[in-house]
């Protein structure tokens, strides 16, 4: 229940995500992150039972066997190929300049950041079908950087490449943390799950906060 409630606030905080590099990783394609979280808790309960129950008692043996089955099954499931390639693979490049947060939203560094992204991507677009920038990569609303985005859109279209980037957007209905596509592809997606205190202040409707 707590995991389900967390999906409405911090959806990346599930316990199951901590199992990606563990024997339980094999369970993720089968039962998802919710089920893997449950298995992780179950193993923890088994360890507690092993420590609490008399050694070699029925409770002790049941806990050992149950935990062992979960772990061994997880290792076995990692050998299964759940997906297969279909069609022609595409070349993808990711641009991550790691701009310090104190500089990212400082107007004095805006031109430098935009220029850095543009120069890196111009080279990559020639050899890659898809170029990806991080969430809120551009430190300005989309309508304020159209002078940079429109030429890039034309250049990407000529090279048959697509750029996907995070960028703040706004319209008559509000402000959004969005993803846009430029070039051969196009479209806009507004983030649905905002980060409390980072992207909005809970219970602040109607107040100055």
C-alpha atoms as a PDB file:
ATOM      1  CA  UNK A   1       0.000   0.000   0.000  1.00  0.00           C
ATOM      2  CA  UNK A   2       2.831   2.383   0.874  1.00  0.00           C
ATOM      3  CA  UNK A   3       4.488   1.628  -2.476  1.00  0.00           C
ATOM      4  CA  UNK A   4       1.244   2.417  -4.319  1.00  0.00           C
ATOM      5  CA  UNK A   5       0.792   5.689  -2.441  1.00  0.00           C
ATOM      6  CA  UNK A   6       4.394   6.620  -3.252  1.00  0.00           C
ATOM      7  CA  UNK A   7       3.585   6.486  -6.970  1.00  0.00           C
ATOM      8  CA  UNK A   8       1.560   9.685  -6.558  1.00  0.00           C
ATOM      9  CA  UNK A   9       4.454  11.627  -5.036  1.00  0.00           C
ATOM     10  CA  UNK A  10       7.935  10.118  -5.598  1.00  0.00           C
ATOM     11  CA  UNK A  11       7.476   7.363  -8.223  1.00  0.00           C
ATOM     12  CA  UNK A  12      11.222   6.714  -8.559  1.00  0.00           C
ATOM     13  CA  UNK A  13      11.592   5.802  -4.878  1.00  0.00           C
ATOM     14  CA  UNK A  14      10.304   2.207  -5.013  1.00  0.00           C
ATOM     15  CA  UNK A  15      12.257  -0.367  -3.023  1.00  0.00           C
ATOM     16  CA  UNK A  16      12.334  -2.597  -6.113  1.00  0.00           C
ATOM     17  CA  UNK A  17      14.619  -0.189  -7.971  1.00  0.00           C
ATOM     18  CA  UNK A  18      17.350  -1.065  -5.502  1.00  0.00           C
ATOM     19  CA  UNK A  19      17.319  -4.623  -6.862  1.00  0.00           C
ATOM     20  CA  UNK A  20      18.536  -3.780 -10.357  1.00  0.00           C
ATOM     21  CA  UNK A  21      22.048  -5.066  -9.657  1.00  0.00           C
ATOM     22  CA  UNK A  22      21.025  -7.932  -7.379  1.00  0.00           C
ATOM     23  CA  UNK A  23      19.837 -11.539  -7.834  1.00  0.00           C
ATOM     24  CA  UNK A  24      16.269 -10.198  -7.681  1.00  0.00           C
ATOM     25  CA  UNK A  25      16.731  -8.279 -10.946  1.00  0.00           C
ATOM     26  CA  UNK A  26      15.485 -11.302 -12.872  1.00  0.00           C
ATOM     27  CA  UNK A  27      12.072 -10.895 -11.281  1.00  0.00           C
ATOM     28  CA  UNK A  28      11.529  -7.341 -12.576  1.00  0.00           C
ATOM     29  CA  UNK A  29      10.317  -8.317 -16.088  1.00  0.00           C
ATOM     30  CA  UNK A  30       7.936 -10.858 -14.515  1.00  0.00           C
ATOM     31  CA  UNK A  31       6.328  -9.051 -11.564  1.00  0.00           C
ATOM     32  CA  UNK A  32       7.374  -5.455 -12.153  1.00  0.00           C
ATOM     33  CA  UNK A  33       8.759  -3.014  -9.617  1.00  0.00           C
ATOM     34  CA  UNK A  34       5.804  -3.510  -7.228  1.00  0.00           C
ATOM     35  CA  UNK A  35       6.244  -7.272  -7.136  1.00  0.00           C
ATOM     36  CA  UNK A  36      10.008  -6.983  -6.802  1.00  0.00           C
ATOM     37  CA  UNK A  37       9.547  -4.606  -3.880  1.00  0.00           C
ATOM     38  CA  UNK A  38       7.275  -7.199  -2.235  1.00  0.00           C
ATOM     39  CA  UNK A  39       9.881  -9.940  -2.793  1.00  0.00           C
ATOM     40  CA  UNK A  40      12.566  -7.730  -1.273  1.00  0.00           C
ATOM     41  CA  UNK A  41      10.425  -7.209   1.822  1.00  0.00           C
ATOM     42  CA  UNK A  42       9.649 -10.942   1.935  1.00  0.00           C
ATOM     43  CA  UNK A  43      13.355 -11.792   1.973  1.00  0.00           C
ATOM     44  CA  UNK A  44      13.870  -9.320   4.791  1.00  0.00           C
ATOM     45  CA  UNK A  45      11.097 -11.038   6.748  1.00  0.00           C
ATOM     46  CA  UNK A  46      12.734 -14.392   6.090  1.00  0.00           C
ATOM     47  CA  UNK A  47      16.037 -13.161   7.491  1.00  0.00           C
ATOM     48  CA  UNK A  48      14.258 -11.848  10.570  1.00  0.00           C
ATOM     49  CA  UNK A  49      12.540 -15.214  10.982  1.00  0.00           C
ATOM     50  CA  UNK A  50      15.854 -17.069  10.650  1.00  0.00           C
ATOM     51  CA  UNK A  51      17.328 -14.957  13.435  1.00  0.00           C
ATOM     52  CA  UNK A  52      14.266 -15.292  15.661  1.00  0.00           C
ATOM     53  CA  UNK A  53      13.180 -18.923  15.159  1.00  0.00           C
ATOM     54  CA  UNK A  54      14.918 -21.877  16.864  1.00  0.00           C
ATOM     55  CA  UNK A  55      17.596 -23.280  14.569  1.00  0.00           C
ATOM     56  CA  UNK A  56      16.381 -26.121  12.303  1.00  0.00           C
ATOM     57  CA  UNK A  57      12.785 -25.651  13.414  1.00  0.00           C
ATOM     58  CA  UNK A  58       9.954 -25.661  10.880  1.00  0.00           C
ATOM     59  CA  UNK A  59       9.784 -21.858  10.950  1.00  0.00           C
ATOM     60  CA  UNK A  60      13.546 -21.568  10.427  1.00  0.00           C
ATOM     61  CA  UNK A  61      13.587 -24.092   7.576  1.00  0.00           C
ATOM     62  CA  UNK A  62      10.566 -22.525   5.864  1.00  0.00           C
ATOM     63  CA  UNK A  63      12.182 -19.083   5.926  1.00  0.00           C
ATOM     64  CA  UNK A  64      15.476 -20.410   4.525  1.00  0.00           C
ATOM     65  CA  UNK A  65      13.768 -22.341   1.729  1.00  0.00           C
ATOM     66  CA  UNK A  66      11.422 -19.479   0.797  1.00  0.00           C
ATOM     67  CA  UNK A  67      14.255 -16.937   0.599  1.00  0.00           C
ATOM     68  CA  UNK A  68      16.417 -19.406  -1.309  1.00  0.00           C
ATOM     69  CA  UNK A  69      13.702 -20.071  -3.887  1.00  0.00           C
ATOM     70  CA  UNK A  70      13.241 -16.331  -4.478  1.00  0.00           C
ATOM     71  CA  UNK A  71      16.968 -15.704  -4.934  1.00  0.00           C
ATOM     72  CA  UNK A  72      17.684 -18.777  -7.074  1.00  0.00           C
ATOM     73  CA  UNK A  73      14.628 -18.110  -9.242  1.00  0.00           C
ATOM     74  CA  UNK A  74      15.744 -14.529  -9.720  1.00  0.00           C
ATOM     75  CA  UNK A  75      19.173 -15.664 -10.881  1.00  0.00           C
ATOM     76  CA  UNK A  76      17.593 -18.152 -13.280  1.00  0.00           C
ATOM     77  CA  UNK A  77      15.218 -15.558 -14.711  1.00  0.00           C
ATOM     78  CA  UNK A  78      18.169 -13.314 -15.571  1.00  0.00           C
ATOM     79  CA  UNK A  79      19.149 -15.856 -18.233  1.00  0.00           C
ATOM     80  CA  UNK A  80      15.844 -15.407 -20.084  1.00  0.00           C
ATOM     81  CA  UNK A  81      15.873 -13.133 -23.148  1.00  0.00           C
ATOM     82  CA  UNK A  82      12.618 -11.237 -22.648  1.00  0.00           C
ATOM     83  CA  UNK A  83      13.008  -9.031 -25.710  1.00  0.00           C
ATOM     84  CA  UNK A  84      14.396  -9.381 -29.210  1.00  0.00           C
ATOM     85  CA  UNK A  85      15.606  -6.837 -31.742  1.00  0.00           C
ATOM     86  CA  UNK A  86      13.254  -6.004 -34.599  1.00  0.00           C
ATOM     87  CA  UNK A  87      13.984  -3.807 -37.552  1.00  0.00           C
ATOM     88  CA  UNK A  88      17.092  -1.754 -38.201  1.00  0.00           C
ATOM     89  CA  UNK A  89      18.928  -0.463 -35.094  1.00  0.00           C
ATOM     90  CA  UNK A  90      19.344   3.298 -34.805  1.00  0.00           C
ATOM     91  CA  UNK A  91      22.338   5.242 -33.520  1.00  0.00           C
ATOM     92  CA  UNK A  92      21.555   7.236 -30.365  1.00  0.00           C
ATOM     93  CA  UNK A  93      23.722   9.882 -28.694  1.00  0.00           C
ATOM     94  CA  UNK A  94      23.226  11.471 -25.266  1.00  0.00           C
ATOM     95  CA  UNK A  95      24.553  14.940 -24.459  1.00  0.00           C
ATOM     96  CA  UNK A  96      25.131  15.492 -20.731  1.00  0.00           C
ATOM     97  CA  UNK A  97      27.389  18.502 -20.027  1.00  0.00           C
ATOM     98  CA  UNK A  98      26.821  18.342 -16.242  1.00  0.00           C
ATOM     99  CA  UNK A  99      26.249  22.063 -15.788  1.00  0.00           C
ATOM    100  CA  UNK A 100      26.515  23.054 -12.086  1.00  0.00           C
ATOM    101  CA  UNK A 101      23.080  23.913 -10.688  1.00  0.00           C
ATOM    102  CA  UNK A 102      24.272  27.304  -9.422  1.00  0.00           C
ATOM    103  CA  UNK A 103      25.169  28.222 -13.023  1.00  0.00           C
ATOM    104  CA  UNK A 104      22.314  26.533 -14.886  1.00  0.00           C
ATOM    105  CA  UNK A 105      19.608  29.045 -13.939  1.00  0.00           C
ATOM    106  CA  UNK A 106      21.907  32.074 -13.817  1.00  0.00           C
ATOM    107  CA  UNK A 107      21.113  34.299 -16.843  1.00  0.00           C
ATOM    108  CA  UNK A 108      24.816  35.150 -17.143  1.00  0.00           C
ATOM    109  CA  UNK A 109      25.614  31.576 -18.198  1.00  0.00           C
ATOM    110  CA  UNK A 110      22.588  31.017 -20.481  1.00  0.00           C
ATOM    111  CA  UNK A 111      24.312  31.817 -23.773  1.00  0.00           C
ATOM    112  CA  UNK A 112      27.300  29.657 -22.865  1.00  0.00           C
ATOM    113  CA  UNK A 113      25.075  26.686 -21.973  1.00  0.00           C
ATOM    114  CA  UNK A 114      23.006  26.996 -25.139  1.00  0.00           C
ATOM    115  CA  UNK A 115      26.114  27.315 -27.285  1.00  0.00           C
ATOM    116  CA  UNK A 116      27.660  24.240 -25.659  1.00  0.00           C
ATOM    117  CA  UNK A 117      24.576  22.122 -26.358  1.00  0.00           C
ATOM    118  CA  UNK A 118      24.339  23.368 -29.937  1.00  0.00           C
ATOM    119  CA  UNK A 119      28.005  22.690 -30.776  1.00  0.00           C
ATOM    120  CA  UNK A 120      28.000  19.194 -29.281  1.00  0.00           C
ATOM    121  CA  UNK A 121      24.759  18.239 -31.008  1.00  0.00           C
ATOM    122  CA  UNK A 122      25.722  19.605 -34.447  1.00  0.00           C
ATOM    123  CA  UNK A 123      28.543  17.070 -34.646  1.00  0.00           C
ATOM    124  CA  UNK A 124      26.548  14.176 -33.235  1.00  0.00           C
ATOM    125  CA  UNK A 125      23.519  14.706 -35.471  1.00  0.00           C
ATOM    126  CA  UNK A 126      25.573  13.859 -38.550  1.00  0.00           C
ATOM    127  CA  UNK A 127      26.197  10.299 -37.366  1.00  0.00           C
ATOM    128  CA  UNK A 128      23.224   9.612 -35.084  1.00  0.00           C
ATOM    129  CA  UNK A 129      19.522   9.230 -35.792  1.00  0.00           C
ATOM    130  CA  UNK A 130      18.511  10.385 -32.323  1.00  0.00           C
ATOM    131  CA  UNK A 131      20.203  12.897 -30.000  1.00  0.00           C
ATOM    132  CA  UNK A 132      18.934  13.199 -26.414  1.00  0.00           C
ATOM    133  CA  UNK A 133      19.401  16.095 -24.007  1.00  0.00           C
ATOM    134  CA  UNK A 134      18.603  15.887 -20.257  1.00  0.00           C
ATOM    135  CA  UNK A 135      15.470  16.970 -18.420  1.00  0.00           C
ATOM    136  CA  UNK A 136      15.133  20.783 -18.401  1.00  0.00           C
ATOM    137  CA  UNK A 137      18.392  20.943 -20.368  1.00  0.00           C
ATOM    138  CA  UNK A 138      17.714  24.458 -21.622  1.00  0.00           C
ATOM    139  CA  UNK A 139      17.524  26.997 -18.765  1.00  0.00           C
ATOM    140  CA  UNK A 140      14.754  29.096 -20.303  1.00  0.00           C
ATOM    141  CA  UNK A 141      11.170  28.815 -21.484  1.00  0.00           C
ATOM    142  CA  UNK A 142      10.800  27.474 -25.020  1.00  0.00           C
ATOM    143  CA  UNK A 143       9.351  30.737 -26.302  1.00  0.00           C
ATOM    144  CA  UNK A 144      12.509  32.573 -25.182  1.00  0.00           C
ATOM    145  CA  UNK A 145      14.961  30.381 -27.150  1.00  0.00           C
ATOM    146  CA  UNK A 146      13.098  29.999 -30.447  1.00  0.00           C
ATOM    147  CA  UNK A 147      15.934  31.885 -32.175  1.00  0.00           C
ATOM    148  CA  UNK A 148      18.172  28.926 -31.376  1.00  0.00           C
ATOM    149  CA  UNK A 149      15.633  26.103 -31.687  1.00  0.00           C
ATOM    150  CA  UNK A 150      14.238  27.009 -35.108  1.00  0.00           C
ATOM    151  CA  UNK A 151      17.600  26.860 -36.957  1.00  0.00           C
ATOM    152  CA  UNK A 152      18.426  23.611 -35.150  1.00  0.00           C
ATOM    153  CA  UNK A 153      15.060  22.199 -36.174  1.00  0.00           C
ATOM    154  CA  UNK A 154      15.824  22.909 -39.834  1.00  0.00           C
ATOM    155  CA  UNK A 155      19.369  21.501 -39.658  1.00  0.00           C
ATOM    156  CA  UNK A 156      18.202  18.325 -37.920  1.00  0.00           C
ATOM    157  CA  UNK A 157      15.454  17.811 -40.486  1.00  0.00           C
ATOM    158  CA  UNK A 158      17.994  18.061 -43.331  1.00  0.00           C
ATOM    159  CA  UNK A 159      20.180  15.405 -41.684  1.00  0.00           C
ATOM    160  CA  UNK A 160      17.118  13.227 -40.942  1.00  0.00           C
ATOM    161  CA  UNK A 161      17.958  13.314 -37.234  1.00  0.00           C
ATOM    162  CA  UNK A 162      15.740  13.952 -34.211  1.00  0.00           C
ATOM    163  CA  UNK A 163      16.609  15.853 -31.051  1.00  0.00           C
ATOM    164  CA  UNK A 164      14.670  15.135 -27.859  1.00  0.00           C
ATOM    165  CA  UNK A 165      15.216  17.578 -25.016  1.00  0.00           C
ATOM    166  CA  UNK A 166      13.711  18.629 -21.735  1.00  0.00           C
ATOM    167  CA  UNK A 167      12.706  22.296 -21.553  1.00  0.00           C
ATOM    168  CA  UNK A 168      10.316  24.474 -19.519  1.00  0.00           C
ATOM    169  CA  UNK A 169       7.238  25.491 -21.505  1.00  0.00           C
ATOM    170  CA  UNK A 170       4.227  27.675 -20.827  1.00  0.00           C
ATOM    171  CA  UNK A 171       0.906  28.563 -22.357  1.00  0.00           C
ATOM    172  CA  UNK A 172      -2.439  30.035 -21.344  1.00  0.00           C
ATOM    173  CA  UNK A 173      -3.193  27.048 -19.094  1.00  0.00           C
ATOM    174  CA  UNK A 174       0.036  27.071 -17.073  1.00  0.00           C
ATOM    175  CA  UNK A 175       3.744  26.291 -16.909  1.00  0.00           C
ATOM    176  CA  UNK A 176       5.200  22.849 -17.544  1.00  0.00           C
ATOM    177  CA  UNK A 177       8.341  20.755 -17.292  1.00  0.00           C
ATOM    178  CA  UNK A 178       8.220  19.380 -20.821  1.00  0.00           C
ATOM    179  CA  UNK A 179       9.939  17.262 -23.444  1.00  0.00           C
ATOM    180  CA  UNK A 180       9.998  18.428 -27.054  1.00  0.00           C
ATOM    181  CA  UNK A 181      11.244  16.799 -30.250  1.00  0.00           C
ATOM    182  CA  UNK A 182      12.903  18.709 -33.090  1.00  0.00           C
ATOM    183  CA  UNK A 183      14.019  17.754 -36.573  1.00  0.00           C
ATOM    184  CA  UNK A 184      12.764  14.598 -38.270  1.00  0.00           C
ATOM    185  CA  UNK A 185      10.472  13.976 -35.294  1.00  0.00           C
ATOM    186  CA  UNK A 186       8.161  16.435 -33.569  1.00  0.00           C
ATOM    187  CA  UNK A 187       5.942  16.653 -30.523  1.00  0.00           C
ATOM    188  CA  UNK A 188       5.605  17.912 -26.967  1.00  0.00           C
ATOM    189  CA  UNK A 189       4.970  16.031 -23.724  1.00  0.00           C
ATOM    190  CA  UNK A 190       4.287  17.667 -20.347  1.00  0.00           C
ATOM    191  CA  UNK A 191       5.597  15.901 -17.245  1.00  0.00           C
ATOM    192  CA  UNK A 192       2.686  14.473 -15.218  1.00  0.00           C
ATOM    193  CA  UNK A 193       4.303  13.672 -11.838  1.00  0.00           C
ATOM    194  CA  UNK A 194       5.905  16.761 -10.365  1.00  0.00           C
ATOM    195  CA  UNK A 195       8.557  16.594  -7.651  1.00  0.00           C
ATOM    196  CA  UNK A 196       7.255  18.005  -4.338  1.00  0.00           C
ATOM    197  CA  UNK A 197       9.135  21.153  -3.267  1.00  0.00           C
ATOM    198  CA  UNK A 198      11.464  20.823  -6.279  1.00  0.00           C
ATOM    199  CA  UNK A 199       8.851  21.557  -8.962  1.00  0.00           C
ATOM    200  CA  UNK A 200       5.893  22.641  -6.861  1.00  0.00           C
ATOM    201  CA  UNK A 201       5.025  23.490  -3.268  1.00  0.00           C
ATOM    202  CA  UNK A 202       2.329  21.160  -1.823  1.00  0.00           C
ATOM    203  CA  UNK A 203      -0.857  22.850  -0.572  1.00  0.00           C
ATOM    204  CA  UNK A 204       0.271  26.187  -1.950  1.00  0.00           C
ATOM    205  CA  UNK A 205      -2.792  26.846  -4.128  1.00  0.00           C
ATOM    206  CA  UNK A 206      -4.173  30.302  -3.465  1.00  0.00           C
ATOM    207  CA  UNK A 207      -1.174  31.388  -1.399  1.00  0.00           C
ATOM    208  CA  UNK A 208       1.898  33.411  -2.295  1.00  0.00           C
ATOM    209  CA  UNK A 209       4.073  30.283  -1.925  1.00  0.00           C
END
